[in-house]
């Protein structure tokens, strides 16, 4: 029974990731359909409300998937001594976990108008 719950939890996390990816692509498509604003020497994209909502939904689902993966995966690192005593594979998995959270936090400035090119 416990093995079935783990499999279902894994499938839930994968499905949340897939839905977040699809929403992200839809947000990008909605942003690409928005008009370009041409200023004196620059061309900017005007932010799209639909793209913002879709992107926010994608980020929320991705955050929920990461939290579930951390809670259900048994991330049991309580101190630096635990990390030092862990096997190299466990240390690598902890490093990857930290980098996934850093990578998620790095995309929060997407709502600003972006300069396409400078002439």
PDB file of N, CA and C in Angstrom:
ATOM      1  N   UNK A   1       0.815  -1.191   0.000  1.00  0.00           N
ATOM      2  CA  UNK A   1       0.000   0.000   0.000  1.00  0.00           C
ATOM      3  C   UNK A   1       0.862   1.259   0.000  1.00  0.00           C
ATOM      4  N   UNK A   2       1.939   1.249   0.798  1.00  0.00           N
ATOM      5  CA  UNK A   2       2.822   2.417   0.866  1.00  0.00           C
ATOM      6  C   UNK A   2       3.523   2.638  -0.475  1.00  0.00           C
ATOM      7  N   UNK A   3       3.840   1.536  -1.157  1.00  0.00           N
ATOM      8  CA  UNK A   3       4.499   1.666  -2.451  1.00  0.00           C
ATOM      9  C   UNK A   3       3.560   2.295  -3.475  1.00  0.00           C
ATOM     10  N   UNK A   4       2.278   1.951  -3.411  1.00  0.00           N
ATOM     11  CA  UNK A   4       1.292   2.535  -4.321  1.00  0.00           C
ATOM     12  C   UNK A   4       1.137   4.031  -4.066  1.00  0.00           C
ATOM     13  N   UNK A   5       1.162   4.434  -2.809  1.00  0.00           N
ATOM     14  CA  UNK A   5       1.048   5.857  -2.473  1.00  0.00           C
ATOM     15  C   UNK A   5       2.260   6.621  -2.998  1.00  0.00           C
ATOM     16  N   UNK A   6       3.454   6.039  -2.890  1.00  0.00           N
ATOM     17  CA  UNK A   6       4.651   6.689  -3.410  1.00  0.00           C
ATOM     18  C   UNK A   6       4.590   6.836  -4.924  1.00  0.00           C
ATOM     19  N   UNK A   7       4.093   5.822  -5.597  1.00  0.00           N
ATOM     20  CA  UNK A   7       3.969   5.889  -7.054  1.00  0.00           C
ATOM     21  C   UNK A   7       2.957   6.956  -7.448  1.00  0.00           C
ATOM     22  N   UNK A   8       1.821   6.996  -6.760  1.00  0.00           N
ATOM     23  CA  UNK A   8       0.807   8.006  -7.066  1.00  0.00           C
ATOM     24  C   UNK A   8       1.315   9.417  -6.756  1.00  0.00           C
ATOM     25  N   UNK A   9       2.065   9.569  -5.689  1.00  0.00           N
ATOM     26  CA  UNK A   9       2.632  10.886  -5.364  1.00  0.00           C
ATOM     27  C   UNK A   9       3.633  11.311  -6.435  1.00  0.00           C
ATOM     28  N   UNK A  10       4.441  10.382  -6.898  1.00  0.00           N
ATOM     29  CA  UNK A  10       5.388  10.692  -7.977  1.00  0.00           C
ATOM     30  C   UNK A  10       4.678  11.089  -9.255  1.00  0.00           C
ATOM     31  N   UNK A  11       3.604  10.375  -9.586  1.00  0.00           N
ATOM     32  CA  UNK A  11       2.824  10.729 -10.775  1.00  0.00           C
ATOM     33  C   UNK A  11       2.150  12.091 -10.622  1.00  0.00           C
ATOM     34  N   UNK A  12       1.705  12.407  -9.412  1.00  0.00           N
ATOM     35  CA  UNK A  12       1.111  13.721  -9.162  1.00  0.00           C
ATOM     36  C   UNK A  12       2.142  14.826  -9.375  1.00  0.00           C
ATOM     37  N   UNK A  13       3.346  14.627  -8.878  1.00  0.00           N
ATOM     38  CA  UNK A  13       4.400  15.628  -9.029  1.00  0.00           C
ATOM     39  C   UNK A  13       4.775  15.798 -10.496  1.00  0.00           C
ATOM     40  N   UNK A  14       4.903  14.699 -11.216  1.00  0.00           N
ATOM     41  CA  UNK A  14       5.228  14.775 -12.644  1.00  0.00           C
ATOM     42  C   UNK A  14       4.111  15.471 -13.412  1.00  0.00           C
ATOM     43  N   UNK A  15       2.865  15.164 -13.082  1.00  0.00           N
ATOM     44  CA  UNK A  15       1.753  15.802 -13.789  1.00  0.00           C
ATOM     45  C   UNK A  15       1.688  17.298 -13.478  1.00  0.00           C
ATOM     46  N   UNK A  16       1.973  17.703 -12.237  1.00  0.00           N
ATOM     47  CA  UNK A  16       2.026  19.125 -11.915  1.00  0.00           C
ATOM     48  C   UNK A  16       3.129  19.827 -12.701  1.00  0.00           C
ATOM     49  N   UNK A  17       4.273  19.176 -12.834  1.00  0.00           N
ATOM     50  CA  UNK A  17       5.366  19.743 -13.627  1.00  0.00           C
ATOM     51  C   UNK A  17       4.967  19.882 -15.096  1.00  0.00           C
ATOM     52  N   UNK A  18       4.295  18.882 -15.630  1.00  0.00           N
ATOM     53  CA  UNK A  18       3.890  18.933 -17.035  1.00  0.00           C
ATOM     54  C   UNK A  18       2.866  20.038 -17.274  1.00  0.00           C
ATOM     55  N   UNK A  19       1.888  20.171 -16.385  1.00  0.00           N
ATOM     56  CA  UNK A  19       0.877  21.224 -16.529  1.00  0.00           C
ATOM     57  C   UNK A  19       1.538  22.599 -16.399  1.00  0.00           C
ATOM     58  N   UNK A  20       2.497  22.728 -15.477  1.00  0.00           N
ATOM     59  CA  UNK A  20       3.215  23.996 -15.330  1.00  0.00           C
ATOM     60  C   UNK A  20       3.993  24.332 -16.598  1.00  0.00           C
ATOM     61  N   UNK A  21       4.600  23.342 -17.210  1.00  0.00           N
ATOM     62  CA  UNK A  21       5.323  23.569 -18.466  1.00  0.00           C
ATOM     63  C   UNK A  21       4.399  24.000 -19.592  1.00  0.00           C
ATOM     64  N   UNK A  22       3.250  23.355 -19.688  1.00  0.00           N
ATOM     65  CA  UNK A  22       2.274  23.721 -20.723  1.00  0.00           C
ATOM     66  C   UNK A  22       1.768  25.145 -20.499  1.00  0.00           C
ATOM     67  N   UNK A  23       1.467  25.486 -19.253  1.00  0.00           N
ATOM     68  CA  UNK A  23       1.026  26.852 -18.948  1.00  0.00           C
ATOM     69  C   UNK A  23       2.120  27.871 -19.258  1.00  0.00           C
ATOM     70  N   UNK A  24       3.360  27.511 -19.014  1.00  0.00           N
ATOM     71  CA  UNK A  24       4.475  28.403 -19.334  1.00  0.00           C
ATOM     72  C   UNK A  24       4.579  28.666 -20.824  1.00  0.00           C
ATOM     73  N   UNK A  25       4.408  27.607 -21.645  1.00  0.00           N
ATOM     74  CA  UNK A  25       4.434  27.787 -23.095  1.00  0.00           C
ATOM     75  C   UNK A  25       3.254  28.629 -23.577  1.00  0.00           C
ATOM     76  N   UNK A  26       2.084  28.412 -22.974  1.00  0.00           N
ATOM     77  CA  UNK A  26       0.922  29.225 -23.347  1.00  0.00           C
ATOM     78  C   UNK A  26       1.127  30.685 -22.957  1.00  0.00           C
ATOM     79  N   UNK A  27       1.758  30.932 -21.820  1.00  0.00           N
ATOM     80  CA  UNK A  27       2.045  32.301 -21.404  1.00  0.00           C
ATOM     81  C   UNK A  27       3.010  32.972 -22.373  1.00  0.00           C
ATOM     82  N   UNK A  28       4.002  32.224 -22.806  1.00  0.00           N
ATOM     83  CA  UNK A  28       4.952  32.786 -23.769  1.00  0.00           C
ATOM     84  C   UNK A  28       4.271  33.086 -25.096  1.00  0.00           C
ATOM     85  N   UNK A  29       3.374  32.202 -25.537  1.00  0.00           N
ATOM     86  CA  UNK A  29       2.640  32.447 -26.781  1.00  0.00           C
ATOM     87  C   UNK A  29       1.730  33.663 -26.649  1.00  0.00           C
ATOM     88  N   UNK A  30       1.097  33.821 -25.496  1.00  0.00           N
ATOM     89  CA  UNK A  30       0.237  34.987 -25.273  1.00  0.00           C
ATOM     90  C   UNK A  30       1.061  36.267 -25.255  1.00  0.00           C
ATOM     91  N   UNK A  31       2.247  36.220 -24.684  1.00  0.00           N
ATOM     92  CA  UNK A  31       3.108  37.405 -24.667  1.00  0.00           C
ATOM     93  C   UNK A  31       3.600  37.746 -26.069  1.00  0.00           C
ATOM     94  N   UNK A  32       3.879  36.732 -26.881  1.00  0.00           N
ATOM     95  CA  UNK A  32       4.362  36.977 -28.236  1.00  0.00           C
ATOM     96  C   UNK A  32       3.281  37.583 -29.131  1.00  0.00           C
ATOM     97  N   UNK A  33       2.001  37.385 -28.802  1.00  0.00           N
ATOM     98  CA  UNK A  33       0.912  37.946 -29.592  1.00  0.00           C
ATOM     99  C   UNK A  33       0.641  39.400 -29.245  1.00  0.00           C
ATOM    100  N   UNK A  34       1.209  39.881 -28.167  1.00  0.00           N
ATOM    101  CA  UNK A  34       0.998  41.265 -27.734  1.00  0.00           C
ATOM    102  C   UNK A  34       1.782  42.207 -28.638  1.00  0.00           C
ATOM    103  N   UNK A  35       1.288  43.433 -28.794  1.00  0.00           N
ATOM    104  CA  UNK A  35       1.931  44.420 -29.656  1.00  0.00           C
ATOM    105  C   UNK A  35       3.290  44.839 -29.108  1.00  0.00           C
ATOM    106  N   UNK A  36       4.157  45.221 -30.036  1.00  0.00           N
ATOM    107  CA  UNK A  36       5.458  45.752 -29.660  1.00  0.00           C
ATOM    108  C   UNK A  36       5.350  47.271 -29.570  1.00  0.00           C
ATOM    109  N   UNK A  37       6.009  47.829 -28.610  1.00  0.00           N
ATOM    110  CA  UNK A  37       6.031  49.275 -28.429  1.00  0.00           C
ATOM    111  C   UNK A  37       7.379  49.781 -28.924  1.00  0.00           C
ATOM    112  N   UNK A  38       7.351  50.589 -29.966  1.00  0.00           N
ATOM    113  CA  UNK A  38       8.592  51.127 -30.522  1.00  0.00           C
ATOM    114  C   UNK A  38       8.828  52.517 -29.948  1.00  0.00           C
ATOM    115  N   UNK A  39       9.879  52.632 -29.194  1.00  0.00           N
ATOM    116  CA  UNK A  39      10.302  53.922 -28.671  1.00  0.00           C
ATOM    117  C   UNK A  39      11.460  54.424 -29.525  1.00  0.00           C
ATOM    118  N   UNK A  40      11.955  55.575 -29.224  1.00  0.00           N
ATOM    119  CA  UNK A  40      12.935  56.251 -30.047  1.00  0.00           C
ATOM    120  C   UNK A  40      14.029  55.323 -30.579  1.00  0.00           C
ATOM    121  N   UNK A  41      14.826  54.701 -29.726  1.00  0.00           N
ATOM    122  CA  UNK A  41      15.895  53.802 -30.168  1.00  0.00           C
ATOM    123  C   UNK A  41      15.696  52.359 -29.725  1.00  0.00           C
ATOM    124  N   UNK A  42      14.613  52.094 -29.032  1.00  0.00           N
ATOM    125  CA  UNK A  42      14.401  50.759 -28.486  1.00  0.00           C
ATOM    126  C   UNK A  42      13.041  50.230 -28.898  1.00  0.00           C
ATOM    127  N   UNK A  43      12.926  48.931 -28.878  1.00  0.00           N
ATOM    128  CA  UNK A  43      11.643  48.290 -29.102  1.00  0.00           C
ATOM    129  C   UNK A  43      11.349  47.409 -27.896  1.00  0.00           C
ATOM    130  N   UNK A  44      10.187  47.609 -27.292  1.00  0.00           N
ATOM    131  CA  UNK A  44       9.839  46.888 -26.064  1.00  0.00           C
ATOM    132  C   UNK A  44       8.569  46.073 -26.284  1.00  0.00           C
ATOM    133  N   UNK A  45       8.433  45.018 -25.499  1.00  0.00           N
ATOM    134  CA  UNK A  45       7.188  44.262 -25.453  1.00  0.00           C
ATOM    135  C   UNK A  45       6.321  44.839 -24.348  1.00  0.00           C
ATOM    136  N   UNK A  46       5.065  45.093 -24.659  1.00  0.00           N
ATOM    137  CA  UNK A  46       4.123  45.510 -23.627  1.00  0.00           C
ATOM    138  C   UNK A  46       3.699  44.261 -22.868  1.00  0.00           C
ATOM    139  N   UNK A  47       3.612  44.309 -21.559  1.00  0.00           N
ATOM    140  CA  UNK A  47       3.208  43.130 -20.803  1.00  0.00           C
ATOM    141  C   UNK A  47       1.755  42.749 -21.093  1.00  0.00           C
ATOM    142  N   UNK A  48       1.513  41.472 -21.186  1.00  0.00           N
ATOM    143  CA  UNK A  48       0.179  40.945 -21.426  1.00  0.00           C
ATOM    144  C   UNK A  48      -0.389  40.413 -20.113  1.00  0.00           C
ATOM    145  N   UNK A  49      -1.619  40.814 -19.789  1.00  0.00           N
ATOM    146  CA  UNK A  49      -2.240  40.350 -18.546  1.00  0.00           C
ATOM    147  C   UNK A  49      -2.476  38.837 -18.596  1.00  0.00           C
ATOM    148  N   UNK A  50      -2.903  38.341 -19.750  1.00  0.00           N
ATOM    149  CA  UNK A  50      -3.143  36.897 -19.896  1.00  0.00           C
ATOM    150  C   UNK A  50      -1.845  36.120 -19.695  1.00  0.00           C
ATOM    151  N   UNK A  51      -0.750  36.626 -20.260  1.00  0.00           N
ATOM    152  CA  UNK A  51       0.540  35.961 -20.090  1.00  0.00           C
ATOM    153  C   UNK A  51       0.977  35.986 -18.632  1.00  0.00           C
ATOM    154  N   UNK A  52       0.710  37.106 -17.949  1.00  0.00           N
ATOM    155  CA  UNK A  52       1.066  37.204 -16.538  1.00  0.00           C
ATOM    156  C   UNK A  52       0.302  36.182 -15.704  1.00  0.00           C
ATOM    157  N   UNK A  53      -1.007  36.055 -15.963  1.00  0.00           N
ATOM    158  CA  UNK A  53      -1.831  35.114 -15.197  1.00  0.00           C
ATOM    159  C   UNK A  53      -1.387  33.685 -15.463  1.00  0.00           C
ATOM    160  N   UNK A  54      -1.147  33.351 -16.730  1.00  0.00           N
ATOM    161  CA  UNK A  54      -0.705  31.995 -17.059  1.00  0.00           C
ATOM    162  C   UNK A  54       0.672  31.701 -16.462  1.00  0.00           C
ATOM    163  N   UNK A  55       1.573  32.670 -16.520  1.00  0.00           N
ATOM    164  CA  UNK A  55       2.901  32.480 -15.942  1.00  0.00           C
ATOM    165  C   UNK A  55       2.858  32.335 -14.437  1.00  0.00           C
ATOM    166  N   UNK A  56       1.991  33.119 -13.797  1.00  0.00           N
ATOM    167  CA  UNK A  56       1.848  33.012 -12.346  1.00  0.00           C
ATOM    168  C   UNK A  56       1.276  31.653 -11.946  1.00  0.00           C
ATOM    169  N   UNK A  57       0.309  31.162 -12.722  1.00  0.00           N
ATOM    170  CA  UNK A  57      -0.251  29.836 -12.452  1.00  0.00           C
ATOM    171  C   UNK A  57       0.811  28.754 -12.638  1.00  0.00           C
ATOM    172  N   UNK A  58       1.635  28.894 -13.678  1.00  0.00           N
ATOM    173  CA  UNK A  58       2.704  27.924 -13.914  1.00  0.00           C
ATOM    174  C   UNK A  58       3.720  27.933 -12.774  1.00  0.00           C
ATOM    175  N   UNK A  59       4.100  29.133 -12.326  1.00  0.00           N
ATOM    176  CA  UNK A  59       5.062  29.232 -11.222  1.00  0.00           C
ATOM    177  C   UNK A  59       4.490  28.661  -9.929  1.00  0.00           C
ATOM    178  N   UNK A  60       3.197  28.880  -9.704  1.00  0.00           N
ATOM    179  CA  UNK A  60       2.551  28.348  -8.503  1.00  0.00           C
ATOM    180  C   UNK A  60       2.528  26.823  -8.532  1.00  0.00           C
ATOM    181  N   UNK A  61       2.141  26.261  -9.667  1.00  0.00           N
ATOM    182  CA  UNK A  61       2.122  24.797  -9.775  1.00  0.00           C
ATOM    183  C   UNK A  61       3.518  24.208  -9.628  1.00  0.00           C
ATOM    184  N   UNK A  62       4.506  24.875 -10.210  1.00  0.00           N
ATOM    185  CA  UNK A  62       5.872  24.382 -10.087  1.00  0.00           C
ATOM    186  C   UNK A  62       6.359  24.454  -8.641  1.00  0.00           C
ATOM    187  N   UNK A  63       5.990  25.529  -7.944  1.00  0.00           N
ATOM    188  CA  UNK A  63       6.352  25.634  -6.530  1.00  0.00           C
ATOM    189  C   UNK A  63       5.696  24.554  -5.686  1.00  0.00           C
ATOM    190  N   UNK A  64       4.414  24.278  -5.961  1.00  0.00           N
ATOM    191  CA  UNK A  64       3.703  23.220  -5.231  1.00  0.00           C
ATOM    192  C   UNK A  64       4.362  21.869  -5.497  1.00  0.00           C
ATOM    193  N   UNK A  65       4.742  21.623  -6.751  1.00  0.00           N
ATOM    194  CA  UNK A  65       5.395  20.355  -7.080  1.00  0.00           C
ATOM    195  C   UNK A  65       6.725  20.222  -6.349  1.00  0.00           C
ATOM    196  N   UNK A  66       7.482  21.313  -6.255  1.00  0.00           N
ATOM    197  CA  UNK A  66       8.764  21.248  -5.553  1.00  0.00           C
ATOM    198  C   UNK A  66       8.573  21.030  -4.056  1.00  0.00           C
ATOM    199  N   UNK A  67       7.607  21.699  -3.479  1.00  0.00           N
ATOM    200  CA  UNK A  67       7.350  21.507  -2.051  1.00  0.00           C
ATOM    201  C   UNK A  67       6.916  20.067  -1.780  1.00  0.00           C
ATOM    202  N   UNK A  68       6.015  19.538  -2.611  1.00  0.00           N
ATOM    203  CA  UNK A  68       5.589  18.142  -2.449  1.00  0.00           C
ATOM    204  C   UNK A  68       6.757  17.179  -2.612  1.00  0.00           C
ATOM    205  N   UNK A  69       7.609  17.436  -3.588  1.00  0.00           N
ATOM    206  CA  UNK A  69       8.758  16.547  -3.793  1.00  0.00           C
ATOM    207  C   UNK A  69       9.690  16.581  -2.588  1.00  0.00           C
ATOM    208  N   UNK A  70       9.869  17.756  -2.011  1.00  0.00           N
ATOM    209  CA  UNK A  70      10.736  17.854  -0.828  1.00  0.00           C
ATOM    210  C   UNK A  70      10.115  17.175   0.386  1.00  0.00           C
ATOM    211  N   UNK A  71       8.816  17.391   0.585  1.00  0.00           N
ATOM    212  CA  UNK A  71       8.160  16.798   1.750  1.00  0.00           C
ATOM    213  C   UNK A  71       8.016  15.288   1.620  1.00  0.00           C
ATOM    214  N   UNK A  72       7.602  14.833   0.448  1.00  0.00           N
ATOM    215  CA  UNK A  72       7.391  13.398   0.266  1.00  0.00           C
ATOM    216  C   UNK A  72       8.686  12.643   0.014  1.00  0.00           C
ATOM    217  N   UNK A  73       9.709  13.363  -0.469  1.00  0.00           N
ATOM    218  CA  UNK A  73      10.990  12.719  -0.737  1.00  0.00           C
ATOM    219  C   UNK A  73      11.817  12.485   0.509  1.00  0.00           C
ATOM    220  N   UNK A  74      11.412  13.090   1.594  1.00  0.00           N
ATOM    221  CA  UNK A  74      12.129  12.867   2.841  1.00  0.00           C
ATOM    222  C   UNK A  74      13.436  13.617   2.910  1.00  0.00           C
ATOM    223  N   UNK A  75      13.418  14.874   2.575  1.00  0.00           N
ATOM    224  CA  UNK A  75      14.622  15.691   2.687  1.00  0.00           C
ATOM    225  C   UNK A  75      14.951  15.841   4.164  1.00  0.00           C
ATOM    226  N   UNK A  76      15.924  15.083   4.630  1.00  0.00           N
ATOM    227  CA  UNK A  76      16.197  15.021   6.067  1.00  0.00           C
ATOM    228  C   UNK A  76      17.550  15.634   6.410  1.00  0.00           C
ATOM    229  N   UNK A  77      17.838  16.770   5.862  1.00  0.00           N
ATOM    230  CA  UNK A  77      19.087  17.451   6.171  1.00  0.00           C
ATOM    231  C   UNK A  77      18.785  18.476   7.243  1.00  0.00           C
ATOM    232  N   UNK A  78      19.241  18.205   8.441  1.00  0.00           N
ATOM    233  CA  UNK A  78      18.943  19.092   9.567  1.00  0.00           C
ATOM    234  C   UNK A  78      20.124  19.976   9.921  1.00  0.00           C
ATOM    235  N   UNK A  79      21.336  19.520   9.687  1.00  0.00           N
ATOM    236  CA  UNK A  79      22.507  20.313  10.049  1.00  0.00           C
ATOM    237  C   UNK A  79      23.614  20.061   9.034  1.00  0.00           C
ATOM    238  N   UNK A  80      24.658  20.874   9.124  1.00  0.00           N
ATOM    239  CA  UNK A  80      25.782  20.691   8.206  1.00  0.00           C
ATOM    240  C   UNK A  80      26.546  19.401   8.508  1.00  0.00           C
ATOM    241  N   UNK A  81      26.457  18.918   9.751  1.00  0.00           N
ATOM    242  CA  UNK A  81      27.105  17.646  10.075  1.00  0.00           C
ATOM    243  C   UNK A  81      26.454  16.501   9.310  1.00  0.00           C
ATOM    244  N   UNK A  82      25.133  16.568   9.159  1.00  0.00           N
ATOM    245  CA  UNK A  82      24.441  15.535   8.383  1.00  0.00           C
ATOM    246  C   UNK A  82      24.904  15.550   6.936  1.00  0.00           C
ATOM    247  N   UNK A  83      25.141  16.738   6.397  1.00  0.00           N
ATOM    248  CA  UNK A  83      25.592  16.833   5.009  1.00  0.00           C
ATOM    249  C   UNK A  83      27.012  16.296   4.867  1.00  0.00           C
ATOM    250  N   UNK A  84      27.871  16.620   5.823  1.00  0.00           N
ATOM    251  CA  UNK A  84      29.258  16.148   5.758  1.00  0.00           C
ATOM    252  C   UNK A  84      29.357  14.635   5.898  1.00  0.00           C
ATOM    253  N   UNK A  85      28.479  14.044   6.708  1.00  0.00           N
ATOM    254  CA  UNK A  85      28.509  12.596   6.920  1.00  0.00           C
ATOM    255  C   UNK A  85      27.795  11.816   5.815  1.00  0.00           C
ATOM    256  N   UNK A  86      27.059  12.513   4.970  1.00  0.00           N
ATOM    257  CA  UNK A  86      26.290  11.837   3.927  1.00  0.00           C
ATOM    258  C   UNK A  86      27.219  11.317   2.831  1.00  0.00           C
ATOM    259  N   UNK A  87      26.705  10.351   2.087  1.00  0.00           N
ATOM    260  CA  UNK A  87      27.467   9.807   0.965  1.00  0.00           C
ATOM    261  C   UNK A  87      27.560  10.865  -0.131  1.00  0.00           C
ATOM    262  N   UNK A  88      28.530  10.729  -1.046  1.00  0.00           N
ATOM    263  CA  UNK A  88      28.655  11.713  -2.132  1.00  0.00           C
ATOM    264  C   UNK A  88      27.395  11.809  -3.007  1.00  0.00           C
ATOM    265  N   UNK A  89      26.687  10.714  -3.200  1.00  0.00           N
ATOM    266  CA  UNK A  89      25.457  10.740  -3.993  1.00  0.00           C
ATOM    267  C   UNK A  89      24.392  11.568  -3.280  1.00  0.00           C
ATOM    268  N   UNK A  90      24.300  11.404  -1.965  1.00  0.00           N
ATOM    269  CA  UNK A  90      23.336  12.190  -1.179  1.00  0.00           C
ATOM    270  C   UNK A  90      23.717  13.672  -1.203  1.00  0.00           C
ATOM    271  N   UNK A  91      25.008  13.977  -1.108  1.00  0.00           N
ATOM    272  CA  UNK A  91      25.448  15.361  -1.183  1.00  0.00           C
ATOM    273  C   UNK A  91      25.126  15.971  -2.545  1.00  0.00           C
ATOM    274  N   UNK A  92      25.309  15.190  -3.602  1.00  0.00           N
ATOM    275  CA  UNK A  92      24.979  15.669  -4.949  1.00  0.00           C
ATOM    276  C   UNK A  92      23.483  15.920  -5.095  1.00  0.00           C
ATOM    277  N   UNK A  93      22.669  15.054  -4.517  1.00  0.00           N
ATOM    278  CA  UNK A  93      21.216  15.256  -4.603  1.00  0.00           C
ATOM    279  C   UNK A  93      20.786  16.494  -3.818  1.00  0.00           C
ATOM    280  N   UNK A  94      21.437  16.763  -2.696  1.00  0.00           N
ATOM    281  CA  UNK A  94      21.134  17.970  -1.925  1.00  0.00           C
ATOM    282  C   UNK A  94      21.530  19.208  -2.719  1.00  0.00           C
ATOM    283  N   UNK A  95      22.683  19.154  -3.382  1.00  0.00           N
ATOM    284  CA  UNK A  95      23.120  20.291  -4.196  1.00  0.00           C
ATOM    285  C   UNK A  95      22.147  20.536  -5.350  1.00  0.00           C
ATOM    286  N   UNK A  96      21.695  19.472  -5.986  1.00  0.00           N
ATOM    287  CA  UNK A  96      20.716  19.624  -7.068  1.00  0.00           C
ATOM    288  C   UNK A  96      19.408  20.202  -6.551  1.00  0.00           C
ATOM    289  N   UNK A  97      19.002  19.790  -5.373  1.00  0.00           N
ATOM    290  CA  UNK A  97      17.789  20.332  -4.768  1.00  0.00           C
ATOM    291  C   UNK A  97      17.917  21.834  -4.532  1.00  0.00           C
ATOM    292  N   UNK A  98      19.050  22.262  -4.017  1.00  0.00           N
ATOM    293  CA  UNK A  98      19.272  23.692  -3.784  1.00  0.00           C
ATOM    294  C   UNK A  98      19.275  24.454  -5.107  1.00  0.00           C
ATOM    295  N   UNK A  99      19.918  23.890  -6.132  1.00  0.00           N
ATOM    296  CA  UNK A  99      19.976  24.577  -7.422  1.00  0.00           C
ATOM    297  C   UNK A  99      18.612  24.666  -8.094  1.00  0.00           C
ATOM    298  N   UNK A 100      17.727  23.694  -7.875  1.00  0.00           N
ATOM    299  CA  UNK A 100      16.388  23.807  -8.461  1.00  0.00           C
ATOM    300  C   UNK A 100      15.611  24.945  -7.831  1.00  0.00           C
ATOM    301  N   UNK A 101      15.775  25.152  -6.524  1.00  0.00           N
ATOM    302  CA  UNK A 101      15.091  26.274  -5.875  1.00  0.00           C
ATOM    303  C   UNK A 101      15.683  27.602  -6.320  1.00  0.00           C
ATOM    304  N   UNK A 102      16.988  27.661  -6.506  1.00  0.00           N
ATOM    305  CA  UNK A 102      17.617  28.893  -6.993  1.00  0.00           C
ATOM    306  C   UNK A 102      17.165  29.181  -8.421  1.00  0.00           C
ATOM    307  N   UNK A 103      17.083  28.157  -9.245  1.00  0.00           N
ATOM    308  CA  UNK A 103      16.633  28.330 -10.627  1.00  0.00           C
ATOM    309  C   UNK A 103      15.200  28.809 -10.714  1.00  0.00           C
ATOM    310  N   UNK A 104      14.345  28.331  -9.814  1.00  0.00           N
ATOM    311  CA  UNK A 104      12.954  28.790  -9.801  1.00  0.00           C
ATOM    312  C   UNK A 104      12.857  30.243  -9.372  1.00  0.00           C
ATOM    313  N   UNK A 105      13.675  30.639  -8.413  1.00  0.00           N
ATOM    314  CA  UNK A 105      13.603  32.005  -7.902  1.00  0.00           C
ATOM    315  C   UNK A 105      14.192  33.012  -8.882  1.00  0.00           C
ATOM    316  N   UNK A 106      14.972  32.569  -9.841  1.00  0.00           N
ATOM    317  CA  UNK A 106      15.627  33.481 -10.767  1.00  0.00           C
ATOM    318  C   UNK A 106      14.736  34.046 -11.849  1.00  0.00           C
ATOM    319  N   UNK A 107      13.515  33.553 -12.018  1.00  0.00           N
ATOM    320  CA  UNK A 107      12.650  33.993 -13.102  1.00  0.00           C
ATOM    321  C   UNK A 107      11.536  34.915 -12.652  1.00  0.00           C
ATOM    322  N   UNK A 108      11.693  35.629 -11.554  1.00  0.00           N
ATOM    323  CA  UNK A 108      10.609  36.460 -11.040  1.00  0.00           C
ATOM    324  C   UNK A 108      10.517  37.818 -11.708  1.00  0.00           C
ATOM    325  N   UNK A 109      11.477  38.210 -12.548  1.00  0.00           N
ATOM    326  CA  UNK A 109      11.429  39.524 -13.172  1.00  0.00           C
ATOM    327  C   UNK A 109      10.828  39.470 -14.572  1.00  0.00           C
ATOM    328  N   UNK A 110      10.086  38.455 -14.906  1.00  0.00           N
ATOM    329  CA  UNK A 110       9.543  38.294 -16.253  1.00  0.00           C
ATOM    330  C   UNK A 110       8.379  39.225 -16.539  1.00  0.00           C
ATOM    331  N   UNK A 111       7.796  39.874 -15.543  1.00  0.00           N
ATOM    332  CA  UNK A 111       6.654  40.742 -15.772  1.00  0.00           C
ATOM    333  C   UNK A 111       7.025  42.126 -16.272  1.00  0.00           C
ATOM    334  N   UNK A 112       8.301  42.486 -16.267  1.00  0.00           N
ATOM    335  CA  UNK A 112       8.730  43.800 -16.698  1.00  0.00           C
ATOM    336  C   UNK A 112       8.793  43.854 -18.222  1.00  0.00           C
ATOM    337  N   UNK A 113       8.599  45.030 -18.823  1.00  0.00           N
ATOM    338  CA  UNK A 113       8.795  45.149 -20.267  1.00  0.00           C
ATOM    339  C   UNK A 113      10.247  44.816 -20.616  1.00  0.00           C
ATOM    340  N   UNK A 114      10.412  44.061 -21.663  1.00  0.00           N
ATOM    341  CA  UNK A 114      11.741  43.623 -22.039  1.00  0.00           C
ATOM    342  C   UNK A 114      12.177  44.339 -23.307  1.00  0.00           C
ATOM    343  N   UNK A 115      13.405  44.818 -23.315  1.00  0.00           N
ATOM    344  CA  UNK A 115      13.938  45.494 -24.491  1.00  0.00           C
ATOM    345  C   UNK A 115      14.345  44.434 -25.497  1.00  0.00           C
ATOM    346  N   UNK A 116      13.809  44.543 -26.725  1.00  0.00           N
ATOM    347  CA  UNK A 116      14.140  43.576 -27.766  1.00  0.00           C
ATOM    348  C   UNK A 116      15.519  43.834 -28.329  1.00  0.00           C
ATOM    349  N   UNK A 117      15.777  45.041 -28.780  1.00  0.00           N
ATOM    350  CA  UNK A 117      17.092  45.367 -29.303  1.00  0.00           C
ATOM    351  C   UNK A 117      17.299  46.866 -29.219  1.00  0.00           C
ATOM    352  N   UNK A 118      18.541  47.242 -29.279  1.00  0.00           N
ATOM    353  CA  UNK A 118      18.908  48.650 -29.208  1.00  0.00           C
ATOM    354  C   UNK A 118      19.551  49.015 -30.533  1.00  0.00           C
ATOM    355  N   UNK A 119      18.975  49.993 -31.214  1.00  0.00           N
ATOM    356  CA  UNK A 119      19.465  50.359 -32.543  1.00  0.00           C
ATOM    357  C   UNK A 119      20.503  51.437 -32.452  1.00  0.00           C
TER     358      UNK A 119
END
